[in-house]
Amino acid sequence: MNDSFDLLDYAPMRLQDVDDVLALEQSVFPHPWSRANFTDSLTSGYDAWVLRDAHGALHGYYLLMPAVDEAHLLDVAVAASLQGRGLGRYLLDKAAARARGLGMASMLLEVRPSNMRALAVYQRYGYAEIGRRRAYYPAHQGQREDAIVMRYTL
């Protein structure tokens, strides 16, 4: 792990974080979550965390939904200007540690086949494809895109 990550503030996501989280989300995803998606997740008590630098700039975040013995990684993102530096892996490490701490046996996620960068990160991390959800995501011009369902055993 990169020692400079120790200088970052890793903290539970709060409603006050939603503006920054939404801005980051909109900057990195072609079909971003809405403000309501984030606020509903927080008010539902999902496990959500942010990563900020010493100046308060948001570097990344993730949201986990525990379900029985499996945590669903609902959303994870790193600021575009910081991608490729190991922050995604760092957030996956933190999410896996949280899931273990909640007594989960595995983590599940969906990813677009067109999101090759994220798909490669998940595969390198150890996630394995376990299925597909047909026409799961909205895509351009009213089209739909499949979701690759992946699992990581904790």
C-alpha atoms as a PDB file:
ATOM      1  CA  MET A   1       0.000   0.000   0.000  1.00  0.00           C
ATOM      2  CA  ASN A   2       1.113   3.553  -0.711  1.00  0.00           C
ATOM      3  CA  ASP A   3       2.300   5.303   2.482  1.00  0.00           C
ATOM      4  CA  SER A   4       0.873   8.626   1.270  1.00  0.00           C
ATOM      5  CA  PHE A   5      -2.618   7.121   1.662  1.00  0.00           C
ATOM      6  CA  ASP A   6      -2.051   7.304   5.431  1.00  0.00           C
ATOM      7  CA  LEU A   7      -2.309  11.091   5.089  1.00  0.00           C
ATOM      8  CA  LEU A   8      -5.840  10.817   3.705  1.00  0.00           C
ATOM      9  CA  ASP A   9      -8.945  11.139   5.847  1.00  0.00           C
ATOM     10  CA  TYR A  10     -11.115   8.012   5.601  1.00  0.00           C
ATOM     11  CA  ALA A  11     -14.450   8.702   7.268  1.00  0.00           C
ATOM     12  CA  PRO A  12     -18.101   7.657   7.216  1.00  0.00           C
ATOM     13  CA  MET A  13     -20.106   9.409   4.498  1.00  0.00           C
ATOM     14  CA  ARG A  14     -22.609  11.924   5.874  1.00  0.00           C
ATOM     15  CA  LEU A  15     -25.447  13.811   4.241  1.00  0.00           C
ATOM     16  CA  GLN A  16     -23.141  16.865   4.185  1.00  0.00           C
ATOM     17  CA  ASP A  17     -20.820  14.910   1.857  1.00  0.00           C
ATOM     18  CA  VAL A  18     -23.467  14.275  -0.807  1.00  0.00           C
ATOM     19  CA  ASP A  19     -22.782  17.442  -2.843  1.00  0.00           C
ATOM     20  CA  ASP A  20     -19.098  16.518  -3.254  1.00  0.00           C
ATOM     21  CA  VAL A  21     -19.878  12.837  -3.807  1.00  0.00           C
ATOM     22  CA  LEU A  22     -22.483  13.679  -6.443  1.00  0.00           C
ATOM     23  CA  ALA A  23     -20.050  16.015  -8.250  1.00  0.00           C
ATOM     24  CA  LEU A  24     -17.375  13.302  -8.329  1.00  0.00           C
ATOM     25  CA  GLU A  25     -19.932  10.696  -9.440  1.00  0.00           C
ATOM     26  CA  GLN A  26     -21.106  12.941 -12.294  1.00  0.00           C
ATOM     27  CA  SER A  27     -17.526  13.609 -13.378  1.00  0.00           C
ATOM     28  CA  VAL A  28     -16.531   9.941 -13.770  1.00  0.00           C
ATOM     29  CA  PHE A  29     -19.671   8.044 -14.845  1.00  0.00           C
ATOM     30  CA  PRO A  30     -21.668   8.528 -18.073  1.00  0.00           C
ATOM     31  CA  HIS A  31     -24.850   7.445 -16.233  1.00  0.00           C
ATOM     32  CA  PRO A  32     -24.301   8.638 -12.653  1.00  0.00           C
ATOM     33  CA  TRP A  33     -26.326   7.983  -9.550  1.00  0.00           C
ATOM     34  CA  SER A  34     -28.757  10.730  -8.561  1.00  0.00           C
ATOM     35  CA  ARG A  35     -28.705  12.776  -5.368  1.00  0.00           C
ATOM     36  CA  ALA A  36     -31.689  10.685  -4.196  1.00  0.00           C
ATOM     37  CA  ASN A  37     -29.700   7.459  -4.711  1.00  0.00           C
ATOM     38  CA  PHE A  38     -27.044   8.714  -2.300  1.00  0.00           C
ATOM     39  CA  THR A  39     -29.372  10.253   0.273  1.00  0.00           C
ATOM     40  CA  ASP A  40     -31.637   7.184   0.246  1.00  0.00           C
ATOM     41  CA  SER A  41     -28.604   4.919   0.747  1.00  0.00           C
ATOM     42  CA  LEU A  42     -27.437   6.981   3.708  1.00  0.00           C
ATOM     43  CA  THR A  43     -30.866   7.218   5.340  1.00  0.00           C
ATOM     44  CA  SER A  44     -31.247   3.451   4.841  1.00  0.00           C
ATOM     45  CA  GLY A  45     -28.097   2.969   6.901  1.00  0.00           C
ATOM     46  CA  TYR A  46     -25.868   1.530   4.189  1.00  0.00           C
ATOM     47  CA  ASP A  47     -22.170   1.462   4.999  1.00  0.00           C
ATOM     48  CA  ALA A  48     -20.768   4.445   3.088  1.00  0.00           C
ATOM     49  CA  TRP A  49     -17.305   6.003   3.319  1.00  0.00           C
ATOM     50  CA  VAL A  50     -15.414   8.937   1.821  1.00  0.00           C
ATOM     51  CA  LEU A  51     -11.706   9.531   1.286  1.00  0.00           C
ATOM     52  CA  ARG A  52     -10.484  13.141   1.461  1.00  0.00           C
ATOM     53  CA  ASP A  53      -7.110  14.834   1.458  1.00  0.00           C
ATOM     54  CA  ALA A  54      -5.865  17.173   4.210  1.00  0.00           C
ATOM     55  CA  HIS A  55      -7.538  20.113   2.452  1.00  0.00           C
ATOM     56  CA  GLY A  56     -10.910  18.385   2.341  1.00  0.00           C
ATOM     57  CA  ALA A  57     -10.871  17.549  -1.382  1.00  0.00           C
ATOM     58  CA  LEU A  58     -12.792  14.355  -2.118  1.00  0.00           C
ATOM     59  CA  HIS A  59     -10.571  11.643  -3.626  1.00  0.00           C
ATOM     60  CA  GLY A  60     -13.069   8.777  -3.628  1.00  0.00           C
ATOM     61  CA  TYR A  61     -15.883   6.938  -1.905  1.00  0.00           C
ATOM     62  CA  TYR A  62     -17.790   3.681  -1.714  1.00  0.00           C
ATOM     63  CA  LEU A  63     -21.156   2.375  -0.516  1.00  0.00           C
ATOM     64  CA  LEU A  64     -21.798  -1.145   0.789  1.00  0.00           C
ATOM     65  CA  MET A  65     -25.152  -2.783   1.411  1.00  0.00           C
ATOM     66  CA  PRO A  66     -24.906  -5.760   3.778  1.00  0.00           C
ATOM     67  CA  ALA A  67     -27.370  -8.566   3.001  1.00  0.00           C
ATOM     68  CA  VAL A  68     -27.344 -11.757   5.096  1.00  0.00           C
ATOM     69  CA  ASP A  69     -23.728 -12.943   4.634  1.00  0.00           C
ATOM     70  CA  GLU A  70     -22.839 -10.970   1.501  1.00  0.00           C
ATOM     71  CA  ALA A  71     -22.028  -7.286   1.073  1.00  0.00           C
ATOM     72  CA  HIS A  72     -23.145  -5.636  -2.164  1.00  0.00           C
ATOM     73  CA  LEU A  73     -20.663  -2.987  -3.326  1.00  0.00           C
ATOM     74  CA  LEU A  74     -23.218  -0.545  -4.704  1.00  0.00           C
ATOM     75  CA  ASP A  75     -20.915   2.228  -5.880  1.00  0.00           C
ATOM     76  CA  VAL A  76     -17.205   3.012  -5.750  1.00  0.00           C
ATOM     77  CA  ALA A  77     -15.372   5.844  -7.453  1.00  0.00           C
ATOM     78  CA  VAL A  78     -12.042   7.652  -7.545  1.00  0.00           C
ATOM     79  CA  ALA A  79     -11.602  11.183  -8.877  1.00  0.00           C
ATOM     80  CA  ALA A  80     -10.578  11.014 -12.545  1.00  0.00           C
ATOM     81  CA  SER A  81      -7.368  13.003 -11.981  1.00  0.00           C
ATOM     82  CA  LEU A  82      -6.254  10.493  -9.329  1.00  0.00           C
ATOM     83  CA  GLN A  83      -7.061   7.241 -11.127  1.00  0.00           C
ATOM     84  CA  GLY A  84      -4.212   4.835 -11.775  1.00  0.00           C
ATOM     85  CA  ARG A  85      -2.452   5.578  -8.470  1.00  0.00           C
ATOM     86  CA  GLY A  86      -3.826   2.720  -6.386  1.00  0.00           C
ATOM     87  CA  LEU A  87      -6.715   4.568  -4.739  1.00  0.00           C
ATOM     88  CA  GLY A  88      -9.277   2.183  -6.221  1.00  0.00           C
ATOM     89  CA  ARG A  89      -7.457  -0.792  -4.715  1.00  0.00           C
ATOM     90  CA  TYR A  90      -7.143   1.097  -1.427  1.00  0.00           C
ATOM     91  CA  LEU A  91     -10.918   1.673  -1.363  1.00  0.00           C
ATOM     92  CA  LEU A  92     -11.539  -1.987  -2.246  1.00  0.00           C
ATOM     93  CA  ASP A  93      -9.256  -2.968   0.656  1.00  0.00           C
ATOM     94  CA  LYS A  94     -11.221  -0.709   2.990  1.00  0.00           C
ATOM     95  CA  ALA A  95     -14.569  -2.051   1.708  1.00  0.00           C
ATOM     96  CA  ALA A  96     -13.410  -5.654   2.138  1.00  0.00           C
ATOM     97  CA  ALA A  97     -12.255  -4.915   5.689  1.00  0.00           C
ATOM     98  CA  ARG A  98     -15.621  -3.306   6.495  1.00  0.00           C
ATOM     99  CA  ALA A  99     -17.491  -6.273   5.006  1.00  0.00           C
ATOM    100  CA  ARG A 100     -15.388  -8.719   7.050  1.00  0.00           C
ATOM    101  CA  GLY A 101     -16.060  -6.618  10.135  1.00  0.00           C
ATOM    102  CA  LEU A 102     -19.789  -6.894   9.462  1.00  0.00           C
ATOM    103  CA  GLY A 103     -19.478 -10.690   9.318  1.00  0.00           C
ATOM    104  CA  MET A 104     -19.877 -10.993   5.559  1.00  0.00           C
ATOM    105  CA  ALA A 105     -18.418 -13.982   3.671  1.00  0.00           C
ATOM    106  CA  SER A 106     -18.203 -12.326   0.261  1.00  0.00           C
ATOM    107  CA  MET A 107     -18.734  -9.114  -1.694  1.00  0.00           C
ATOM    108  CA  LEU A 108     -20.851  -8.793  -4.828  1.00  0.00           C
ATOM    109  CA  LEU A 109     -20.869  -6.043  -7.452  1.00  0.00           C
ATOM    110  CA  GLU A 110     -22.113  -5.239 -10.933  1.00  0.00           C
ATOM    111  CA  VAL A 111     -19.988  -3.538 -13.567  1.00  0.00           C
ATOM    112  CA  ARG A 112     -20.662  -2.493 -17.137  1.00  0.00           C
ATOM    113  CA  PRO A 113     -18.767  -4.506 -19.775  1.00  0.00           C
ATOM    114  CA  SER A 114     -17.878  -1.139 -21.354  1.00  0.00           C
ATOM    115  CA  ASN A 115     -16.150  -0.021 -18.123  1.00  0.00           C
ATOM    116  CA  MET A 116     -12.988  -1.901 -19.003  1.00  0.00           C
ATOM    117  CA  ARG A 117     -10.813   0.006 -16.551  1.00  0.00           C
ATOM    118  CA  ALA A 118     -12.994  -0.919 -13.560  1.00  0.00           C
ATOM    119  CA  LEU A 119     -13.419  -4.463 -14.825  1.00  0.00           C
ATOM    120  CA  ALA A 120      -9.625  -4.871 -14.976  1.00  0.00           C
ATOM    121  CA  VAL A 121      -9.243  -3.471 -11.435  1.00  0.00           C
ATOM    122  CA  TYR A 122     -11.840  -5.899 -10.071  1.00  0.00           C
ATOM    123  CA  GLN A 123     -10.286  -8.869 -11.879  1.00  0.00           C
ATOM    124  CA  ARG A 124      -6.793  -8.009 -10.608  1.00  0.00           C
ATOM    125  CA  TYR A 125      -8.225  -7.667  -7.107  1.00  0.00           C
ATOM    126  CA  GLY A 126      -9.654 -11.177  -7.264  1.00  0.00           C
ATOM    127  CA  TYR A 127     -13.299 -10.687  -8.189  1.00  0.00           C
ATOM    128  CA  ALA A 128     -14.671 -13.440 -10.432  1.00  0.00           C
ATOM    129  CA  GLU A 129     -17.555 -13.171 -12.884  1.00  0.00           C
ATOM    130  CA  ILE A 130     -20.529 -15.212 -11.662  1.00  0.00           C
ATOM    131  CA  GLY A 131     -23.210 -14.076 -14.097  1.00  0.00           C
ATOM    132  CA  ARG A 132     -24.791 -11.374 -16.216  1.00  0.00           C
ATOM    133  CA  ARG A 133     -27.826  -9.193 -15.761  1.00  0.00           C
ATOM    134  CA  ARG A 134     -29.214  -8.558 -19.232  1.00  0.00           C
ATOM    135  CA  ALA A 135     -30.076  -4.943 -20.116  1.00  0.00           C
ATOM    136  CA  TYR A 136     -29.424  -3.878 -16.508  1.00  0.00           C
ATOM    137  CA  TYR A 137     -27.937  -0.414 -17.067  1.00  0.00           C
ATOM    138  CA  PRO A 138     -29.270   2.512 -19.078  1.00  0.00           C
ATOM    139  CA  ALA A 139     -27.015   3.334 -22.028  1.00  0.00           C
ATOM    140  CA  HIS A 140     -26.873   6.004 -24.718  1.00  0.00           C
ATOM    141  CA  GLN A 141     -29.861   6.824 -26.928  1.00  0.00           C
ATOM    142  CA  GLY A 142     -32.361   4.775 -24.948  1.00  0.00           C
ATOM    143  CA  GLN A 143     -30.330   1.578 -25.234  1.00  0.00           C
ATOM    144  CA  ARG A 144     -29.525  -0.780 -22.335  1.00  0.00           C
ATOM    145  CA  GLU A 145     -26.260  -2.421 -21.314  1.00  0.00           C
ATOM    146  CA  ASP A 146     -25.701  -5.702 -19.501  1.00  0.00           C
ATOM    147  CA  ALA A 147     -24.100  -5.876 -16.062  1.00  0.00           C
ATOM    148  CA  ILE A 148     -21.333  -8.316 -15.296  1.00  0.00           C
ATOM    149  CA  VAL A 149     -21.981  -9.696 -11.803  1.00  0.00           C
ATOM    150  CA  MET A 150     -18.796 -10.388  -9.871  1.00  0.00           C
ATOM    151  CA  ARG A 151     -18.053 -11.899  -6.459  1.00  0.00           C
ATOM    152  CA  TYR A 152     -15.055 -11.636  -4.165  1.00  0.00           C
ATOM    153  CA  THR A 153     -14.686 -14.188  -1.381  1.00  0.00           C
ATOM    154  CA  LEU A 154     -13.547 -12.573   1.846  1.00  0.00           C
END
